[in-house]
Protein backbone atom coordinates (compact mmCIF):
# COMPACT_ATOMS: atom_id res chain seq x y z
CA UNK A 1 -30.98 -47.54 7.35
CA UNK A 2 -28.47 -47.13 4.60
CA UNK A 3 -24.59 -46.99 4.89
CA UNK A 4 -24.27 -44.10 2.51
CA UNK A 5 -22.23 -41.17 3.64
CA UNK A 6 -24.11 -37.94 3.92
CA UNK A 7 -23.63 -35.70 0.84
CA UNK A 8 -21.14 -32.89 1.28
CA UNK A 9 -22.57 -29.44 0.89
CA UNK A 10 -20.83 -27.22 -1.73
CA UNK A 11 -18.41 -24.77 -0.36
CA UNK A 12 -20.03 -21.59 0.92
CA UNK A 13 -19.49 -18.45 -1.14
CA UNK A 14 -17.12 -15.93 0.36
CA UNK A 15 -19.69 -13.37 1.71
CA UNK A 16 -17.02 -10.79 2.00
CA UNK A 17 -16.58 -10.62 -1.66
CA UNK A 18 -19.23 -9.20 -3.89
CA UNK A 19 -19.79 -10.52 -7.39
CA UNK A 20 -18.41 -7.18 -8.69
CA UNK A 21 -15.23 -7.61 -6.73
CA UNK A 22 -14.70 -11.07 -8.16
CA UNK A 23 -15.39 -9.81 -11.68
CA UNK A 24 -12.87 -6.96 -11.09
CA UNK A 25 -10.20 -9.54 -10.02
CA UNK A 26 -10.89 -11.63 -13.01
CA UNK A 27 -10.70 -8.52 -15.28
CA UNK A 28 -7.29 -7.57 -13.81
CA UNK A 29 -5.93 -11.07 -14.30
CA UNK A 30 -7.07 -11.03 -17.93
CA UNK A 31 -5.47 -7.63 -18.53
CA UNK A 32 -2.08 -8.97 -17.17
CA UNK A 33 -2.27 -12.08 -19.32
CA UNK A 34 -3.13 -9.86 -22.46
CA UNK A 35 -0.16 -7.65 -21.47
CA UNK A 36 2.20 -10.61 -21.11
CA UNK A 37 1.19 -12.07 -24.42
CA UNK A 38 1.64 -8.68 -26.15
CA UNK A 39 5.08 -8.44 -24.63
CA UNK A 40 5.99 -11.90 -25.81
CA UNK A 41 4.79 -11.04 -29.31
CA UNK A 42 6.94 -8.00 -29.47
CA UNK A 43 9.91 -9.89 -28.22
CA UNK A 44 9.43 -12.56 -30.89
CA UNK A 45 9.12 -9.96 -33.59
CA UNK A 46 12.21 -8.18 -32.51
CA UNK A 47 14.00 -11.52 -32.45
CA UNK A 48 12.82 -12.36 -36.01
CA UNK A 49 13.92 -9.07 -37.39
CA UNK A 50 17.37 -9.40 -35.78
CA UNK A 51 19.84 -7.11 -37.47
CA UNK A 52 17.82 -5.02 -40.02
CA UNK A 53 18.99 -5.27 -43.65
CA UNK A 54 16.41 -2.90 -45.17
CA UNK A 55 14.90 0.41 -44.24
CA UNK A 56 11.53 -1.30 -43.75
CA UNK A 57 13.02 -3.79 -41.19
CA UNK A 58 14.73 -0.84 -39.51
CA UNK A 59 11.31 0.94 -39.21
CA UNK A 60 9.68 -2.31 -38.00
CA UNK A 61 12.41 -2.84 -35.41
CA UNK A 62 12.06 0.71 -34.02
CA UNK A 63 8.30 0.34 -33.90
CA UNK A 64 8.24 -2.95 -32.13
CA UNK A 65 10.94 -1.71 -29.88
CA UNK A 66 8.75 1.25 -28.78
CA UNK A 67 5.70 -0.88 -28.47
CA UNK A 68 7.59 -3.38 -26.34
CA UNK A 69 8.63 -0.64 -23.95
CA UNK A 70 5.13 0.91 -23.85
CA UNK A 71 3.58 -2.50 -22.97
CA UNK A 72 6.25 -3.17 -20.41
CA UNK A 73 5.47 0.18 -18.83
CA UNK A 74 1.75 -0.56 -18.87
CA UNK A 75 2.43 -3.92 -17.20
CA UNK A 76 4.51 -2.29 -14.43
CA UNK A 77 1.84 0.25 -13.91
CA UNK A 78 -0.86 -2.36 -13.77
CA UNK A 79 1.00 -4.34 -11.17
CA UNK A 80 1.78 -1.35 -8.91
CA UNK A 81 -1.80 0.21 -9.13
CA UNK A 82 -4.00 -2.80 -9.82
CA UNK A 83 -5.43 -0.66 -12.65
CA UNK A 84 -7.48 -2.49 -15.25
CA UNK A 85 -6.61 -0.21 -18.06
């Protein structure tokens, strides 16, 4: 007889969750991460522009402000509904 401990079995898969459900959860998480990174990007751009000195900077500021608001609204909607898109 050997003194080796018996090998542990790998954890059993959650039978209540189908592979499609797990994939959907992963996709939702990825969408939230993408939205968060987009939000951070627009915040950084707005911070870099600061107080616009040219008409081009003013246009960029307005555009990034609108995009920032739109992404924020998408994020809120995705959290409430669990929507992927």
